[in-house]
Every structure is written in C-alpha cells, then in structure tokens.
Amino acid sequence: MTDDFEEAVESIRSKKNKGGRDRIYEIIGFALMIAGALLAFIAYFVAGSQNSGNLSIDSLEHNEHIILAIFGLTLSIIGGFIYIRFSIGRFLRFWLLRQIYESKSKD
C-alpha cells in the first residue's frame, strides 16, 4: 500500500502544467501582497511629509495619497488571498491523497 501511495504522490508531482501554474500564481500573489504593502507605506509617508502652507492644496494632495494607500492595502489583501489559496491548495491535495490511502489500508 505504501508503494501505491508513493506512486500517486510522484504522479501528482510529475504533472508540470498544473503544478507550475499553481506555483506561478503563488508567486504572483506574494508579489502583490508585498507591492501593495510597500505602496501603502510610501503613500502614507509622502502624505505626511507634504506641507505647502495652503490648506486647500494640502487637503487635495492628502486625499490623493489616502486613495493610493487604500488601493495599496486592497492590492495587498487580494495578493494575500491569492497566495494563501494556491499554497494551501497544494498542501490539501497531498493531505487528501494521504487520507484516501490511509482509509484504503484500514479496510
């Protein structure tokens, strides 16, 4: 039964297209998560460092940077969901395969 399990795991690992695509999405999700967080921090610090003395101009510029920071946080959250989905998906495939073979060995 162990040999069957090892063969099934190897057959899953040998499928290059789906595994490679999942890995690419995982990397894209991680990159979006980091880029969004950096964008939010940069927008926050730029908004805090601007002070021209004219309150109406400063308010407009701060609003633009607030919108940019919110976009960065949204991008980071979406990237986090993509990263978690594809990294946990790969783990759950192997877990489900192990559960199937363990239930067969009990019979």
PDB file of N, CA and C in Angstrom:
ATOM      1  N   MET A   1       0.832  -1.196   0.000  1.00  0.00           N
ATOM      2  CA  MET A   1       0.000   0.000   0.000  1.00  0.00           C
ATOM      3  C   MET A   1       0.876   1.259   0.000  1.00  0.00           C
ATOM      4  N   THR A   2       2.024   1.192   0.651  1.00  0.00           N
ATOM      5  CA  THR A   2       2.922   2.343   0.697  1.00  0.00           C
ATOM      6  C   THR A   2       3.468   2.653  -0.686  1.00  0.00           C
ATOM      7  N   ASP A   3       3.747   1.595  -1.454  1.00  0.00           N
ATOM      8  CA  ASP A   3       4.242   1.818  -2.811  1.00  0.00           C
ATOM      9  C   ASP A   3       3.201   2.526  -3.672  1.00  0.00           C
ATOM     10  N   ASP A   4       1.927   2.162  -3.517  1.00  0.00           N
ATOM     11  CA  ASP A   4       0.860   2.833  -4.260  1.00  0.00           C
ATOM     12  C   ASP A   4       0.784   4.311  -3.895  1.00  0.00           C
ATOM     13  N   PHE A   5       0.930   4.593  -2.597  1.00  0.00           N
ATOM     14  CA  PHE A   5       0.888   5.975  -2.142  1.00  0.00           C
ATOM     15  C   PHE A   5       2.046   6.774  -2.733  1.00  0.00           C
ATOM     16  N   GLU A   6       3.236   6.216  -2.698  1.00  0.00           N
ATOM     17  CA  GLU A   6       4.407   6.904  -3.241  1.00  0.00           C
ATOM     18  C   GLU A   6       4.267   7.130  -4.748  1.00  0.00           C
ATOM     19  N   GLU A   7       3.696   6.148  -5.464  1.00  0.00           N
ATOM     20  CA  GLU A   7       3.475   6.318  -6.895  1.00  0.00           C
ATOM     21  C   GLU A   7       2.464   7.430  -7.179  1.00  0.00           C
ATOM     22  N   ALA A   8       1.412   7.494  -6.361  1.00  0.00           N
ATOM     23  CA  ALA A   8       0.405   8.539  -6.551  1.00  0.00           C
ATOM     24  C   ALA A   8       0.981   9.927  -6.273  1.00  0.00           C
ATOM     25  N   VAL A   9       1.823  10.030  -5.244  1.00  0.00           N
ATOM     26  CA  VAL A   9       2.453  11.311  -4.942  1.00  0.00           C
ATOM     27  C   VAL A   9       3.386  11.721  -6.075  1.00  0.00           C
ATOM     28  N   GLU A  10       4.136  10.792  -6.600  1.00  0.00           N
ATOM     29  CA  GLU A  10       5.037  11.095  -7.716  1.00  0.00           C
ATOM     30  C   GLU A  10       4.263  11.490  -8.970  1.00  0.00           C
ATOM     31  N   SER A  11       3.107  10.855  -9.189  1.00  0.00           N
ATOM     32  CA  SER A  11       2.307  11.218 -10.367  1.00  0.00           C
ATOM     33  C   SER A  11       1.749  12.630 -10.234  1.00  0.00           C
ATOM     34  N   ILE A  12       1.418  13.044  -9.001  1.00  0.00           N
ATOM     35  CA  ILE A  12       0.949  14.414  -8.791  1.00  0.00           C
ATOM     36  C   ILE A  12       2.094  15.389  -9.021  1.00  0.00           C
ATOM     37  N   ARG A  13       3.267  15.063  -8.513  1.00  0.00           N
ATOM     38  CA  ARG A  13       4.425  15.949  -8.671  1.00  0.00           C
ATOM     39  C   ARG A  13       4.906  16.020 -10.115  1.00  0.00           C
ATOM     40  N   SER A  14       4.685  14.958 -10.874  1.00  0.00           N
ATOM     41  CA  SER A  14       5.180  14.934 -12.248  1.00  0.00           C
ATOM     42  C   SER A  14       4.318  15.744 -13.210  1.00  0.00           C
ATOM     43  N   LYS A  15       3.123  16.112 -12.804  1.00  0.00           N
ATOM     44  CA  LYS A  15       2.261  16.936 -13.653  1.00  0.00           C
ATOM     45  C   LYS A  15       2.800  18.365 -13.632  1.00  0.00           C
ATOM     46  N   LYS A  16       3.521  18.721 -14.667  1.00  0.00           N
ATOM     47  CA  LYS A  16       4.230  20.003 -14.695  1.00  0.00           C
ATOM     48  C   LYS A  16       3.292  21.181 -14.935  1.00  0.00           C
ATOM     49  N   ASN A  17       2.300  21.036 -15.787  1.00  0.00           N
ATOM     50  CA  ASN A  17       1.477  22.187 -16.160  1.00  0.00           C
ATOM     51  C   ASN A  17       0.710  22.764 -14.982  1.00  0.00           C
ATOM     52  N   LYS A  18      -0.045  21.923 -14.292  1.00  0.00           N
ATOM     53  CA  LYS A  18      -0.874  22.427 -13.224  1.00  0.00           C
ATOM     54  C   LYS A  18      -0.036  22.861 -12.030  1.00  0.00           C
ATOM     55  N   GLY A  19       0.972  22.088 -11.675  1.00  0.00           N
ATOM     56  CA  GLY A  19       1.823  22.455 -10.556  1.00  0.00           C
ATOM     57  C   GLY A  19       2.613  23.714 -10.823  1.00  0.00           C
ATOM     58  N   GLY A  20       3.105  23.857 -12.035  1.00  0.00           N
ATOM     59  CA  GLY A  20       3.839  25.065 -12.400  1.00  0.00           C
ATOM     60  C   GLY A  20       2.952  26.289 -12.405  1.00  0.00           C
ATOM     61  N   ARG A  21       1.739  26.123 -12.881  1.00  0.00           N
ATOM     62  CA  ARG A  21       0.798  27.243 -12.913  1.00  0.00           C
ATOM     63  C   ARG A  21       0.410  27.652 -11.498  1.00  0.00           C
ATOM     64  N   ASP A  22       0.192  26.678 -10.613  1.00  0.00           N
ATOM     65  CA  ASP A  22      -0.114  26.993  -9.224  1.00  0.00           C
ATOM     66  C   ASP A  22       1.041  27.734  -8.563  1.00  0.00           C
ATOM     67  N   ARG A  23       2.250  27.315  -8.852  1.00  0.00           N
ATOM     68  CA  ARG A  23       3.431  27.967  -8.274  1.00  0.00           C
ATOM     69  C   ARG A  23       3.557  29.404  -8.795  1.00  0.00           C
ATOM     70  N   ILE A  24       3.242  29.624 -10.063  1.00  0.00           N
ATOM     71  CA  ILE A  24       3.300  30.976 -10.623  1.00  0.00           C
ATOM     72  C   ILE A  24       2.261  31.873  -9.949  1.00  0.00           C
ATOM     73  N   TYR A  25       1.047  31.368  -9.759  1.00  0.00           N
ATOM     74  CA  TYR A  25       0.019  32.155  -9.084  1.00  0.00           C
ATOM     75  C   TYR A  25       0.403  32.435  -7.632  1.00  0.00           C
ATOM     76  N   GLU A  26       1.047  31.480  -7.001  1.00  0.00           N
ATOM     77  CA  GLU A  26       1.504  31.678  -5.629  1.00  0.00           C
ATOM     78  C   GLU A  26       2.548  32.802  -5.564  1.00  0.00           C
ATOM     79  N   ILE A  27       3.467  32.821  -6.505  1.00  0.00           N
ATOM     80  CA  ILE A  27       4.489  33.870  -6.547  1.00  0.00           C
ATOM     81  C   ILE A  27       3.854  35.221  -6.871  1.00  0.00           C
ATOM     82  N   ILE A  28       2.898  35.241  -7.800  1.00  0.00           N
ATOM     83  CA  ILE A  28       2.209  36.491  -8.137  1.00  0.00           C
ATOM     84  C   ILE A  28       1.452  37.028  -6.928  1.00  0.00           C
ATOM     85  N   GLY A  29       0.778  36.150  -6.209  1.00  0.00           N
ATOM     86  CA  GLY A  29       0.056  36.575  -5.005  1.00  0.00           C
ATOM     87  C   GLY A  29       0.982  37.155  -3.951  1.00  0.00           C
ATOM     88  N   PHE A  30       2.136  36.510  -3.750  1.00  0.00           N
ATOM     89  CA  PHE A  30       3.099  37.009  -2.776  1.00  0.00           C
ATOM     90  C   PHE A  30       3.660  38.365  -3.207  1.00  0.00           C
ATOM     91  N   ALA A  31       3.947  38.505  -4.506  1.00  0.00           N
ATOM     92  CA  ALA A  31       4.468  39.775  -5.020  1.00  0.00           C
ATOM     93  C   ALA A  31       3.428  40.892  -4.876  1.00  0.00           C
ATOM     94  N   LEU A  32       2.166  40.598  -5.158  1.00  0.00           N
ATOM     95  CA  LEU A  32       1.112  41.598  -4.987  1.00  0.00           C
ATOM     96  C   LEU A  32       0.969  42.002  -3.525  1.00  0.00           C
ATOM     97  N   MET A  33       1.099  41.032  -2.643  1.00  0.00           N
ATOM     98  CA  MET A  33       0.981  41.314  -1.219  1.00  0.00           C
ATOM     99  C   MET A  33       2.090  42.272  -0.763  1.00  0.00           C
ATOM    100  N   ILE A  34       3.314  42.015  -1.185  1.00  0.00           N
ATOM    101  CA  ILE A  34       4.435  42.863  -0.802  1.00  0.00           C
ATOM    102  C   ILE A  34       4.343  44.237  -1.486  1.00  0.00           C
ATOM    103  N   ALA A  35       4.016  44.250  -2.780  1.00  0.00           N
ATOM    104  CA  ALA A  35       3.922  45.512  -3.514  1.00  0.00           C
ATOM    105  C   ALA A  35       2.813  46.401  -2.956  1.00  0.00           C
ATOM    106  N   GLY A  36       1.694  45.813  -2.599  1.00  0.00           N
ATOM    107  CA  GLY A  36       0.595  46.600  -2.033  1.00  0.00           C
ATOM    108  C   GLY A  36       0.960  47.213  -0.696  1.00  0.00           C
ATOM    109  N   ALA A  37       1.649  46.438   0.145  1.00  0.00           N
ATOM    110  CA  ALA A  37       2.073  46.972   1.445  1.00  0.00           C
ATOM    111  C   ALA A  37       3.088  48.097   1.266  1.00  0.00           C
ATOM    112  N   LEU A  38       4.029  47.923   0.345  1.00  0.00           N
ATOM    113  CA  LEU A  38       5.012  48.982   0.082  1.00  0.00           C
ATOM    114  C   LEU A  38       4.345  50.241  -0.459  1.00  0.00           C
ATOM    115  N   LEU A  39       3.392  50.069  -1.362  1.00  0.00           N
ATOM    116  CA  LEU A  39       2.670  51.206  -1.918  1.00  0.00           C
ATOM    117  C   LEU A  39       1.919  51.970  -0.832  1.00  0.00           C
ATOM    118  N   ALA A  40       1.288  51.260   0.088  1.00  0.00           N
ATOM    119  CA  ALA A  40       0.556  51.909   1.171  1.00  0.00           C
ATOM    120  C   ALA A  40       1.499  52.678   2.096  1.00  0.00           C
ATOM    121  N   PHE A  41       2.647  52.080   2.440  1.00  0.00           N
ATOM    122  CA  PHE A  41       3.603  52.776   3.305  1.00  0.00           C
ATOM    123  C   PHE A  41       4.199  54.003   2.619  1.00  0.00           C
ATOM    124  N   ILE A  42       4.533  53.874   1.351  1.00  0.00           N
ATOM    125  CA  ILE A  42       5.098  55.012   0.623  1.00  0.00           C
ATOM    126  C   ILE A  42       4.081  56.154   0.542  1.00  0.00           C
ATOM    127  N   ALA A  43       2.831  55.831   0.225  1.00  0.00           N
ATOM    128  CA  ALA A  43       1.791  56.864   0.142  1.00  0.00           C
ATOM    129  C   ALA A  43       1.568  57.518   1.499  1.00  0.00           C
ATOM    130  N   TYR A  44       1.636  56.741   2.552  1.00  0.00           N
ATOM    131  CA  TYR A  44       1.454  57.289   3.901  1.00  0.00           C
ATOM    132  C   TYR A  44       2.576  58.268   4.249  1.00  0.00           C
ATOM    133  N   PHE A  45       3.816  57.875   3.999  1.00  0.00           N
ATOM    134  CA  PHE A  45       4.936  58.740   4.342  1.00  0.00           C
ATOM    135  C   PHE A  45       5.019  59.976   3.443  1.00  0.00           C
ATOM    136  N   VAL A  46       4.666  59.850   2.190  1.00  0.00           N
ATOM    137  CA  VAL A  46       4.669  61.011   1.292  1.00  0.00           C
ATOM    138  C   VAL A  46       3.574  61.993   1.716  1.00  0.00           C
ATOM    139  N   ALA A  47       2.420  61.479   2.085  1.00  0.00           N
ATOM    140  CA  ALA A  47       1.331  62.360   2.520  1.00  0.00           C
ATOM    141  C   ALA A  47       1.710  63.088   3.805  1.00  0.00           C
ATOM    142  N   GLY A  48       2.435  62.437   4.683  1.00  0.00           N
ATOM    143  CA  GLY A  48       2.826  63.080   5.938  1.00  0.00           C
ATOM    144  C   GLY A  48       3.935  64.094   5.772  1.00  0.00           C
ATOM    145  N   SER A  49       4.717  63.971   4.718  1.00  0.00           N
ATOM    146  CA  SER A  49       5.850  64.884   4.546  1.00  0.00           C
ATOM    147  C   SER A  49       5.506  66.128   3.734  1.00  0.00           C
ATOM    148  N   GLN A  50       4.329  66.189   3.157  1.00  0.00           N
ATOM    149  CA  GLN A  50       3.949  67.343   2.334  1.00  0.00           C
ATOM    150  C   GLN A  50       3.251  68.399   3.181  1.00  0.00           C
ATOM    151  N   ASN A  51       3.752  69.612   3.078  1.00  0.00           N
ATOM    152  CA  ASN A  51       3.116  70.734   3.760  1.00  0.00           C
ATOM    153  C   ASN A  51       3.498  71.997   3.002  1.00  0.00           C
ATOM    154  N   SER A  52       2.601  72.473   2.149  1.00  0.00           N
ATOM    155  CA  SER A  52       2.900  73.661   1.344  1.00  0.00           C
ATOM    156  C   SER A  52       2.436  74.950   2.014  1.00  0.00           C
ATOM    157  N   GLY A  53       1.673  74.837   3.058  1.00  0.00           N
ATOM    158  CA  GLY A  53       1.161  76.029   3.728  1.00  0.00           C
ATOM    159  C   GLY A  53      -0.245  76.395   3.304  1.00  0.00           C
ATOM    160  N   ASN A  54      -0.668  75.961   2.154  1.00  0.00           N
ATOM    161  CA  ASN A  54      -2.018  76.231   1.664  1.00  0.00           C
ATOM    162  C   ASN A  54      -2.890  75.021   2.023  1.00  0.00           C
ATOM    163  N   LEU A  55      -3.844  75.240   2.912  1.00  0.00           N
ATOM    164  CA  LEU A  55      -4.645  74.138   3.445  1.00  0.00           C
ATOM    165  C   LEU A  55      -5.477  73.446   2.379  1.00  0.00           C
ATOM    166  N   SER A  56      -6.030  74.188   1.415  1.00  0.00           N
ATOM    167  CA  SER A  56      -6.879  73.557   0.392  1.00  0.00           C
ATOM    168  C   SER A  56      -6.056  72.661  -0.532  1.00  0.00           C
ATOM    169  N   ILE A  57      -4.844  73.092  -0.883  1.00  0.00           N
ATOM    170  CA  ILE A  57      -3.992  72.263  -1.746  1.00  0.00           C
ATOM    171  C   ILE A  57      -3.509  71.027  -0.979  1.00  0.00           C
ATOM    172  N   ASP A  58      -3.136  71.220   0.297  1.00  0.00           N
ATOM    173  CA  ASP A  58      -2.679  70.090   1.110  1.00  0.00           C
ATOM    174  C   ASP A  58      -3.775  69.043   1.282  1.00  0.00           C
ATOM    175  N   SER A  59      -5.016  69.501   1.462  1.00  0.00           N
ATOM    176  CA  SER A  59      -6.122  68.551   1.625  1.00  0.00           C
ATOM    177  C   SER A  59      -6.323  67.711   0.374  1.00  0.00           C
ATOM    178  N   LEU A  60      -6.244  68.349  -0.798  1.00  0.00           N
ATOM    179  CA  LEU A  60      -6.400  67.602  -2.046  1.00  0.00           C
ATOM    180  C   LEU A  60      -5.268  66.588  -2.228  1.00  0.00           C
ATOM    181  N   GLU A  61      -4.055  67.003  -1.933  1.00  0.00           N
ATOM    182  CA  GLU A  61      -2.923  66.091  -2.084  1.00  0.00           C
ATOM    183  C   GLU A  61      -3.001  64.950  -1.072  1.00  0.00           C
ATOM    184  N   HIS A  62      -3.439  65.243   0.137  1.00  0.00           N
ATOM    185  CA  HIS A  62      -3.594  64.184   1.133  1.00  0.00           C
ATOM    186  C   HIS A  62      -4.673  63.191   0.718  1.00  0.00           C
ATOM    187  N   ASN A  63      -5.757  63.711   0.139  1.00  0.00           N
ATOM    188  CA  ASN A  63      -6.819  62.819  -0.321  1.00  0.00           C
ATOM    189  C   ASN A  63      -6.318  61.882  -1.419  1.00  0.00           C
ATOM    190  N   GLU A  64      -5.489  62.409  -2.314  1.00  0.00           N
ATOM    191  CA  GLU A  64      -4.928  61.553  -3.371  1.00  0.00           C
ATOM    192  C   GLU A  64      -4.052  60.454  -2.776  1.00  0.00           C
ATOM    193  N   HIS A  65      -3.268  60.820  -1.778  1.00  0.00           N
ATOM    194  CA  HIS A  65      -2.391  59.817  -1.164  1.00  0.00           C
ATOM    195  C   HIS A  65      -3.171  58.818  -0.307  1.00  0.00           C
ATOM    196  N   ILE A  66      -4.260  59.262   0.286  1.00  0.00           N
ATOM    197  CA  ILE A  66      -5.109  58.336   1.041  1.00  0.00           C
ATOM    198  C   ILE A  66      -5.722  57.309   0.094  1.00  0.00           C
ATOM    199  N   ILE A  67      -6.191  57.761  -1.054  1.00  0.00           N
ATOM    200  CA  ILE A  67      -6.754  56.845  -2.048  1.00  0.00           C
ATOM    201  C   ILE A  67      -5.691  55.861  -2.528  1.00  0.00           C
ATOM    202  N   LEU A  68      -4.481  56.353  -2.755  1.00  0.00           N
ATOM    203  CA  LEU A  68      -3.390  55.481  -3.177  1.00  0.00           C
ATOM    204  C   LEU A  68      -3.038  54.464  -2.087  1.00  0.00           C
ATOM    205  N   ALA A  69      -3.052  54.888  -0.828  1.00  0.00           N
ATOM    206  CA  ALA A  69      -2.771  53.969   0.279  1.00  0.00           C
ATOM    207  C   ALA A  69      -3.862  52.912   0.408  1.00  0.00           C
ATOM    208  N   ILE A  70      -5.105  53.289   0.234  1.00  0.00           N
ATOM    209  CA  ILE A  70      -6.209  52.321   0.295  1.00  0.00           C
ATOM    210  C   ILE A  70      -6.099  51.322  -0.855  1.00  0.00           C
ATOM    211  N   PHE A  71      -5.730  51.806  -2.036  1.00  0.00           N
ATOM    212  CA  PHE A  71      -5.515  50.907  -3.169  1.00  0.00           C
ATOM    213  C   PHE A  71      -4.384  49.924  -2.864  1.00  0.00           C
ATOM    214  N   GLY A  72      -3.301  50.405  -2.241  1.00  0.00           N
ATOM    215  CA  GLY A  72      -2.196  49.529  -1.872  1.00  0.00           C
ATOM    216  C   GLY A  72      -2.619  48.465  -0.879  1.00  0.00           C
ATOM    217  N   LEU A  73      -3.403  48.850   0.116  1.00  0.00           N
ATOM    218  CA  LEU A  73      -3.892  47.865   1.088  1.00  0.00           C
ATOM    219  C   LEU A  73      -4.818  46.845   0.436  1.00  0.00           C
ATOM    220  N   THR A  74      -5.672  47.305  -0.469  1.00  0.00           N
ATOM    221  CA  THR A  74      -6.559  46.393  -1.190  1.00  0.00           C
ATOM    222  C   THR A  74      -5.754  45.424  -2.040  1.00  0.00           C
ATOM    223  N   LEU A  75      -4.732  45.928  -2.701  1.00  0.00           N
ATOM    224  CA  LEU A  75      -3.862  45.083  -3.510  1.00  0.00           C
ATOM    225  C   LEU A  75      -3.151  44.044  -2.637  1.00  0.00           C
ATOM    226  N   SER A  76      -2.731  44.468  -1.468  1.00  0.00           N
ATOM    227  CA  SER A  76      -2.059  43.561  -0.543  1.00  0.00           C
ATOM    228  C   SER A  76      -3.001  42.459  -0.047  1.00  0.00           C
ATOM    229  N   ILE A  77      -4.228  42.812   0.251  1.00  0.00           N
ATOM    230  CA  ILE A  77      -5.209  41.821   0.716  1.00  0.00           C
ATOM    231  C   ILE A  77      -5.538  40.827  -0.391  1.00  0.00           C
ATOM    232  N   ILE A  78      -5.739  41.315  -1.600  1.00  0.00           N
ATOM    233  CA  ILE A  78      -6.022  40.421  -2.727  1.00  0.00           C
ATOM    234  C   ILE A  78      -4.840  39.497  -2.980  1.00  0.00           C
ATOM    235  N   GLY A  79      -3.629  40.037  -2.950  1.00  0.00           N
ATOM    236  CA  GLY A  79      -2.435  39.203  -3.116  1.00  0.00           C
ATOM    237  C   GLY A  79      -2.310  38.160  -2.027  1.00  0.00           C
ATOM    238  N   GLY A  80      -2.659  38.525  -0.801  1.00  0.00           N
ATOM    239  CA  GLY A  80      -2.628  37.566   0.295  1.00  0.00           C
ATOM    240  C   GLY A  80      -3.611  36.425   0.093  1.00  0.00           C
ATOM    241  N   PHE A  81      -4.812  36.753  -0.380  1.00  0.00           N
ATOM    242  CA  PHE A  81      -5.798  35.704  -0.654  1.00  0.00           C
ATOM    243  C   PHE A  81      -5.331  34.770  -1.771  1.00  0.00           C
ATOM    244  N   ILE A  82      -4.746  35.338  -2.814  1.00  0.00           N
ATOM    245  CA  ILE A  82      -4.245  34.511  -3.912  1.00  0.00           C
ATOM    246  C   ILE A  82      -3.129  33.602  -3.420  1.00  0.00           C
ATOM    247  N   TYR A  83      -2.207  34.157  -2.642  1.00  0.00           N
ATOM    248  CA  TYR A  83      -1.094  33.375  -2.111  1.00  0.00           C
ATOM    249  C   TYR A  83      -1.585  32.239  -1.216  1.00  0.00           C
ATOM    250  N   ILE A  84      -2.477  32.547  -0.302  1.00  0.00           N
ATOM    251  CA  ILE A  84      -2.985  31.525   0.619  1.00  0.00           C
ATOM    252  C   ILE A  84      -3.762  30.457  -0.127  1.00  0.00           C
ATOM    253  N   ARG A  85      -4.569  30.857  -1.096  1.00  0.00           N
ATOM    254  CA  ARG A  85      -5.381  29.882  -1.840  1.00  0.00           C
ATOM    255  C   ARG A  85      -4.502  28.851  -2.546  1.00  0.00           C
ATOM    256  N   PHE A  86      -3.468  29.299  -3.235  1.00  0.00           N
ATOM    257  CA  PHE A  86      -2.668  28.361  -4.005  1.00  0.00           C
ATOM    258  C   PHE A  86      -1.662  27.596  -3.153  1.00  0.00           C
ATOM    259  N   SER A  87      -1.187  28.187  -2.064  1.00  0.00           N
ATOM    260  CA  SER A  87      -0.262  27.441  -1.214  1.00  0.00           C
ATOM    261  C   SER A  87      -1.003  26.396  -0.390  1.00  0.00           C
ATOM    262  N   ILE A  88      -2.191  26.718   0.100  1.00  0.00           N
ATOM    263  CA  ILE A  88      -2.968  25.741   0.855  1.00  0.00           C
ATOM    264  C   ILE A  88      -3.559  24.688  -0.085  1.00  0.00           C
ATOM    265  N   GLY A  89      -3.898  25.070  -1.302  1.00  0.00           N
ATOM    266  CA  GLY A  89      -4.437  24.112  -2.274  1.00  0.00           C
ATOM    267  C   GLY A  89      -3.470  22.981  -2.553  1.00  0.00           C
ATOM    268  N   ARG A  90      -2.203  23.316  -2.681  1.00  0.00           N
ATOM    269  CA  ARG A  90      -1.187  22.287  -2.930  1.00  0.00           C
ATOM    270  C   ARG A  90      -1.068  21.356  -1.717  1.00  0.00           C
ATOM    271  N   PHE A  91      -1.074  21.935  -0.516  1.00  0.00           N
ATOM    272  CA  PHE A  91      -1.000  21.132   0.697  1.00  0.00           C
ATOM    273  C   PHE A  91      -2.207  20.213   0.829  1.00  0.00           C
ATOM    274  N   LEU A  92      -3.396  20.720   0.538  1.00  0.00           N
ATOM    275  CA  LEU A  92      -4.613  19.923   0.700  1.00  0.00           C
ATOM    276  C   LEU A  92      -4.697  18.769  -0.295  1.00  0.00           C
ATOM    277  N   ARG A  93      -4.112  18.920  -1.485  1.00  0.00           N
ATOM    278  CA  ARG A  93      -4.092  17.803  -2.434  1.00  0.00           C
ATOM    279  C   ARG A  93      -3.328  16.616  -1.860  1.00  0.00           C
ATOM    280  N   PHE A  94      -2.157  16.880  -1.294  1.00  0.00           N
ATOM    281  CA  PHE A  94      -1.375  15.792  -0.699  1.00  0.00           C
ATOM    282  C   PHE A  94      -2.055  15.242   0.547  1.00  0.00           C
ATOM    283  N   TRP A  95      -2.681  16.095   1.337  1.00  0.00           N
ATOM    284  CA  TRP A  95      -3.380  15.640   2.532  1.00  0.00           C
ATOM    285  C   TRP A  95      -4.552  14.729   2.163  1.00  0.00           C
ATOM    286  N   LEU A  96      -5.326  15.119   1.149  1.00  0.00           N
ATOM    287  CA  LEU A  96      -6.457  14.307   0.716  1.00  0.00           C
ATOM    288  C   LEU A  96      -5.986  12.969   0.163  1.00  0.00           C
ATOM    289  N   LEU A  97      -4.918  12.981  -0.591  1.00  0.00           N
ATOM    290  CA  LEU A  97      -4.364  11.744  -1.124  1.00  0.00           C
ATOM    291  C   LEU A  97      -3.934  10.814   0.008  1.00  0.00           C
ATOM    292  N   ARG A  98      -3.289  11.361   1.027  1.00  0.00           N
ATOM    293  CA  ARG A  98      -2.878  10.557   2.171  1.00  0.00           C
ATOM    294  C   ARG A  98      -4.087   9.984   2.915  1.00  0.00           C
ATOM    295  N   GLN A  99      -5.146  10.798   3.058  1.00  0.00           N
ATOM    296  CA  GLN A  99      -6.354  10.315   3.734  1.00  0.00           C
ATOM    297  C   GLN A  99      -7.005   9.173   2.962  1.00  0.00           C
ATOM    298  N   ILE A 100      -7.007   9.259   1.654  1.00  0.00           N
ATOM    299  CA  ILE A 100      -7.602   8.201   0.831  1.00  0.00           C
ATOM    300  C   ILE A 100      -6.838   6.901   1.003  1.00  0.00           C
ATOM    301  N   TYR A 101      -5.506   6.978   0.946  1.00  0.00           N
ATOM    302  CA  TYR A 101      -4.715   5.759   1.082  1.00  0.00           C
ATOM    303  C   TYR A 101      -4.753   5.192   2.494  1.00  0.00           C
ATOM    304  N   GLU A 102      -4.861   6.038   3.502  1.00  0.00           N
ATOM    305  CA  GLU A 102      -4.982   5.531   4.854  1.00  0.00           C
ATOM    306  C   GLU A 102      -6.332   4.849   5.060  1.00  0.00           C
ATOM    307  N   SER A 103      -7.381   5.390   4.468  1.00  0.00           N
ATOM    308  CA  SER A 103      -8.693   4.749   4.613  1.00  0.00           C
ATOM    309  C   SER A 103      -8.749   3.428   3.861  1.00  0.00           C
ATOM    310  N   LYS A 104      -8.020   3.322   2.730  1.00  0.00           N
ATOM    311  CA  LYS A 104      -7.959   2.049   1.998  1.00  0.00           C
ATOM    312  C   LYS A 104      -7.184   1.002   2.792  1.00  0.00           C
ATOM    313  N   SER A 105      -6.151   1.422   3.509  1.00  0.00           N
ATOM    314  CA  SER A 105      -5.342   0.459   4.251  1.00  0.00           C
ATOM    315  C   SER A 105      -6.085  -0.072   5.472  1.00  0.00           C
ATOM    316  N   LYS A 106      -7.056   0.675   5.998  1.00  0.00           N
ATOM    317  CA  LYS A 106      -7.845   0.222   7.156  1.00  0.00           C
ATOM    318  C   LYS A 106      -8.860  -0.847   6.737  1.00  0.00           C
ATOM    319  N   ASP A 107      -9.253  -0.848   5.484  1.00  0.00           N
ATOM    320  CA  ASP A 107     -10.269  -1.814   5.014  1.00  0.00           C
ATOM    321  C   ASP A 107      -9.724  -3.202   4.852  1.00  0.00           C
TER     322      ASP A 107
END
